[in-house]
Amino acid sequence: MEGYLQRLYEKLKEKYGGSLVRVEEIRKIEPNAKEYLSRLAREGFIERVRWGWYWIPDNIKDPWEFFEKDKNFKVISCQTAATLWSLGLIGGGAFTVKVLDKSYGKALKEFFKRSGWEILVEVVSKPISYVKMDGLLVESLDETIIECLQRWAFIDGFAALYVNRDKIDLKRLLKKAYWRRVRGKDVRVRQVIEYGCYLFNEVAKGEMFDVRKPKIKDRYIKL
């Protein structure tokens, strides 16, 4: 490998090892980024993922480790976030993330496909409410619960709610959920939360949550 390629490769490994990189980003440190990245890929040092994006190899055991090392902005969301909020009580299935960059979203999906992992990527334009958790950006607890219930992932949403029952602001959560509805149904997420909390109270034979039993006529929701 020529000296200039070796130097670039070493810089990439040091700063972007384990991450997807955009050609335009690397152009900031190397004007000939497009040509040099292409040559490094042809020689097997890095991997071309799709037009404008490359993967800088590193030891990655699973998607969680990739999420930690990848430098691009992404937020773990919905069922995947619920797995973290519920401390692993519920888990499995495809990984779900939100991104702001459409191009990065496509590169992420392609990389996961090649790696044999399942991922659902949602490109959003609005700000994402998130917290930092163990080196990952994770959607806020309120949004995680609401989105899971909107998408019929009731077990995931209520697992996150139950595990965090002592620190969650239920009134705030119910207020946020008021105008959100379960997909395909004329049922507010607020009603679903109240109904689930009522059932928790029934099982615990006490007032675990300060809610009244809501009126929900839809038998599929009640199941």
Protein backbone atom coordinates (compact mmCIF):
# COMPACT_ATOMS: atom_id res chain seq x y z
CA MET A 1 0.00 0.00 0.00
CA GLU A 2 1.33 3.43 -0.93
CA GLY A 3 2.36 5.71 1.92
CA TYR A 4 -0.45 8.25 1.45
CA LEU A 5 -3.06 5.48 1.46
CA GLN A 6 -1.50 3.93 4.54
CA ARG A 7 -1.63 7.26 6.38
CA LEU A 8 -5.29 7.79 5.47
CA TYR A 9 -6.17 4.26 6.48
CA GLU A 10 -4.50 4.71 9.86
CA LYS A 11 -6.44 7.94 10.42
CA LEU A 12 -9.68 6.22 9.50
CA LYS A 13 -9.03 3.29 11.83
CA GLU A 14 -8.15 5.61 14.70
CA LYS A 15 -11.13 7.95 14.36
CA TYR A 16 -13.81 5.88 12.59
CA GLY A 17 -13.04 2.24 13.37
CA GLY A 18 -16.33 0.33 13.54
CA SER A 19 -18.29 3.15 11.91
CA LEU A 20 -19.96 4.00 8.64
CA VAL A 21 -18.40 7.07 7.02
CA ARG A 22 -19.60 9.41 4.30
CA VAL A 23 -17.20 10.38 1.54
CA GLU A 24 -18.01 14.05 2.11
CA GLU A 25 -17.01 13.74 5.77
CA ILE A 26 -13.62 12.24 4.91
CA ARG A 27 -13.07 14.94 2.30
CA LYS A 28 -12.57 17.34 5.24
CA ILE A 29 -9.31 15.57 6.10
CA GLU A 30 -8.40 14.35 2.60
CA PRO A 31 -9.29 16.31 -0.58
CA ASN A 32 -8.93 13.13 -2.66
CA ALA A 33 -11.24 11.15 -0.40
CA LYS A 34 -13.42 9.74 -3.18
CA GLU A 35 -10.49 8.25 -5.08
CA TYR A 36 -8.55 7.06 -2.02
CA LEU A 37 -11.54 5.45 -0.30
CA SER A 38 -12.37 3.63 -3.51
CA ARG A 39 -8.81 2.29 -3.74
CA LEU A 40 -8.79 1.20 -0.11
CA ALA A 41 -12.04 -0.67 -0.72
CA ARG A 42 -10.71 -2.37 -3.86
CA GLU A 43 -7.66 -3.52 -1.89
CA GLY A 44 -9.89 -4.91 0.88
CA PHE A 45 -8.93 -2.56 3.72
CA ILE A 46 -12.37 -0.97 4.02
CA GLU A 47 -15.79 -1.89 2.61
CA ARG A 48 -18.02 0.04 0.24
CA VAL A 49 -21.59 -0.11 1.56
CA ARG A 50 -23.43 2.00 -1.02
CA TRP A 51 -22.84 5.13 -3.10
CA GLY A 52 -21.09 7.72 -0.94
CA TRP A 53 -20.71 5.47 2.14
CA TYR A 54 -17.98 3.14 3.42
CA TRP A 55 -17.53 0.87 6.43
CA ILE A 56 -14.28 1.12 8.41
CA PRO A 57 -13.82 -2.42 9.76
CA ASP A 58 -13.32 -3.19 13.43
CA ASN A 59 -14.17 -6.07 15.75
CA ILE A 60 -17.96 -5.86 15.98
CA LYS A 61 -19.70 -8.77 17.72
CA ASP A 62 -23.32 -7.65 17.47
CA PRO A 63 -25.60 -4.72 16.59
CA TRP A 64 -25.28 -3.24 20.09
CA GLU A 65 -21.52 -2.93 19.71
CA PHE A 66 -21.98 -1.39 16.27
CA PHE A 67 -24.40 1.19 17.69
CA GLU A 68 -21.78 2.16 20.29
CA LYS A 69 -18.94 2.55 17.79
CA ASP A 70 -20.80 4.08 14.84
CA LYS A 71 -20.26 7.86 14.82
CA ASN A 72 -23.45 8.84 13.00
CA PHE A 73 -26.50 10.30 14.75
CA LYS A 74 -29.17 7.71 15.46
CA VAL A 75 -31.60 7.11 18.30
CA ILE A 76 -32.64 3.65 19.51
CA SER A 77 -36.44 3.69 19.52
CA CYS A 78 -39.72 1.83 20.03
CA GLN A 79 -39.39 -1.89 20.93
CA THR A 80 -35.58 -1.76 20.95
CA ALA A 81 -35.65 1.19 23.34
CA ALA A 82 -38.22 -0.68 25.45
CA THR A 83 -35.71 -3.53 25.79
CA LEU A 84 -33.27 -1.11 27.43
CA TRP A 85 -35.87 0.68 29.54
CA SER A 86 -37.25 -2.65 30.82
CA LEU A 87 -33.73 -3.88 31.66
CA GLY A 88 -34.04 -6.74 29.21
CA LEU A 89 -37.40 -7.96 30.53
CA ILE A 90 -38.64 -7.89 26.93
CA GLY A 91 -36.38 -8.26 23.91
CA GLY A 92 -35.78 -9.79 20.50
CA GLY A 93 -36.93 -9.05 16.99
CA ALA A 94 -35.66 -6.41 14.61
CA PHE A 95 -33.75 -3.37 15.86
CA THR A 96 -35.53 -0.04 15.50
CA VAL A 97 -33.78 3.32 15.16
CA LYS A 98 -34.62 6.87 14.15
CA VAL A 99 -32.29 8.98 12.02
CA LEU A 100 -32.42 12.49 10.62
CA ASP A 101 -30.27 11.81 7.56
CA LYS A 102 -32.00 9.88 4.77
CA SER A 103 -28.75 8.93 3.07
CA TYR A 104 -27.32 7.56 6.31
CA GLY A 105 -30.56 5.65 6.91
CA LYS A 106 -30.17 3.85 3.57
CA ALA A 107 -26.51 3.05 4.30
CA LEU A 108 -27.46 1.74 7.74
CA LYS A 109 -30.12 -0.58 6.31
CA GLU A 110 -27.72 -1.89 3.68
CA PHE A 111 -24.99 -2.52 6.25
CA PHE A 112 -27.37 -4.42 8.53
CA LYS A 113 -28.62 -6.48 5.60
CA ARG A 114 -25.08 -7.49 4.71
CA SER A 115 -24.36 -8.34 8.34
CA GLY A 116 -27.43 -10.57 8.58
CA TRP A 117 -29.16 -8.37 11.15
CA GLU A 118 -32.70 -7.03 10.98
CA ILE A 119 -33.31 -3.32 11.38
CA LEU A 120 -36.17 -0.89 10.92
CA VAL A 121 -34.98 2.63 10.10
CA GLU A 122 -37.33 5.59 10.42
CA VAL A 123 -36.18 8.88 8.90
CA VAL A 124 -37.71 11.79 10.80
CA SER A 125 -37.53 15.54 10.31
CA LYS A 126 -38.59 16.63 13.79
CA PRO A 127 -36.32 16.70 16.87
CA ILE A 128 -36.09 13.39 18.73
CA SER A 129 -36.51 13.24 22.50
CA TYR A 130 -33.70 11.04 23.80
CA VAL A 131 -31.34 10.30 26.70
CA LYS A 132 -27.84 8.85 26.79
CA MET A 133 -27.73 5.33 28.17
CA ASP A 134 -24.59 3.16 28.30
CA GLY A 135 -23.02 5.01 25.39
CA LEU A 136 -26.18 4.86 23.27
CA LEU A 137 -28.76 7.50 22.40
CA VAL A 138 -32.11 6.06 23.47
CA GLU A 139 -35.55 7.52 22.94
CA SER A 140 -37.05 8.99 26.13
CA LEU A 141 -39.12 6.70 28.33
CA ASP A 142 -42.38 8.57 27.65
CA GLU A 143 -41.94 8.41 23.88
CA THR A 144 -40.88 4.76 24.00
CA ILE A 145 -44.03 3.76 25.88
CA ILE A 146 -46.33 5.83 23.68
CA GLU A 147 -44.82 4.62 20.41
CA CYS A 148 -44.90 0.97 21.46
CA LEU A 149 -48.59 1.24 22.30
CA GLN A 150 -49.31 3.11 19.08
CA ARG A 151 -47.73 0.24 17.14
CA TRP A 152 -49.57 -2.52 19.07
CA ALA A 153 -46.37 -3.52 20.91
CA PHE A 154 -48.33 -3.55 24.18
CA ILE A 155 -46.09 -6.01 26.05
CA ASP A 156 -42.97 -3.96 25.25
CA GLY A 157 -44.57 -0.65 26.22
CA PHE A 158 -46.05 -1.89 29.47
CA ALA A 159 -42.84 -3.71 30.42
CA ALA A 160 -40.98 -0.40 30.16
CA LEU A 161 -43.71 1.34 32.14
CA TYR A 162 -43.83 -1.31 34.88
CA VAL A 163 -40.07 -1.51 35.44
CA ASN A 164 -39.90 2.29 35.73
CA ARG A 165 -43.15 2.72 37.68
CA ASP A 166 -41.45 4.36 40.67
CA LYS A 167 -39.83 7.14 38.65
CA ILE A 168 -42.25 7.78 35.82
CA ASP A 169 -44.43 10.90 35.87
CA LEU A 170 -47.74 9.23 35.00
CA LYS A 171 -49.70 12.48 34.70
CA ARG A 172 -47.18 13.87 32.23
CA LEU A 173 -47.20 10.61 30.27
CA LEU A 174 -51.00 10.58 30.05
CA LYS A 175 -51.02 14.20 28.91
CA LYS A 176 -48.54 13.45 26.13
CA ALA A 177 -50.51 10.39 25.04
CA TYR A 178 -53.89 12.14 24.88
CA TRP A 179 -53.84 13.03 21.16
CA ARG A 180 -51.98 9.92 20.02
CA ARG A 181 -54.00 6.96 18.78
CA VAL A 182 -53.39 3.25 18.34
CA ARG A 183 -52.72 2.61 14.66
CA GLY A 184 -55.83 1.69 12.75
CA LYS A 185 -58.09 2.30 15.74
CA ASP A 186 -60.09 5.21 17.11
CA VAL A 187 -58.64 4.60 20.56
CA ARG A 188 -56.37 7.08 22.32
CA VAL A 189 -53.04 5.83 23.65
CA ARG A 190 -53.97 7.55 26.91
CA GLN A 191 -56.93 5.18 27.29
CA VAL A 192 -54.69 2.16 26.67
CA ILE A 193 -52.21 3.34 29.30
CA GLU A 194 -54.97 3.87 31.82
CA TYR A 195 -56.50 0.48 31.06
CA GLY A 196 -53.12 -1.27 31.41
CA CYS A 197 -52.40 0.51 34.67
CA TYR A 198 -55.87 -0.47 35.93
CA LEU A 199 -55.05 -4.13 35.18
CA PHE A 200 -51.75 -3.80 37.04
CA ASN A 201 -53.72 -2.53 40.05
CA GLU A 202 -56.13 -5.45 39.76
CA VAL A 203 -53.32 -8.01 39.75
CA ALA A 204 -51.43 -6.28 42.59
CA LYS A 205 -54.69 -5.83 44.53
CA GLY A 206 -53.69 -2.27 45.35
CA GLU A 207 -53.17 1.24 43.99
CA MET A 208 -49.92 0.75 42.10
CA PHE A 209 -51.05 3.46 39.66
CA ASP A 210 -53.43 6.35 40.32
CA VAL A 211 -55.89 5.74 37.47
CA ARG A 212 -59.55 5.02 36.92
CA LYS A 213 -60.79 2.24 34.67
CA PRO A 214 -61.35 3.81 31.24
CA LYS A 215 -64.14 2.84 28.87
CA ILE A 216 -62.68 0.93 25.94
CA LYS A 217 -65.19 -0.81 23.69
CA ASP A 218 -62.69 -2.29 21.23
CA ARG A 219 -62.33 -5.95 22.26
CA TYR A 220 -58.96 -6.37 20.49
CA ILE A 221 -57.45 -3.59 22.59
CA LYS A 222 -58.91 -5.04 25.79
CA LEU A 223 -57.41 -8.44 25.04
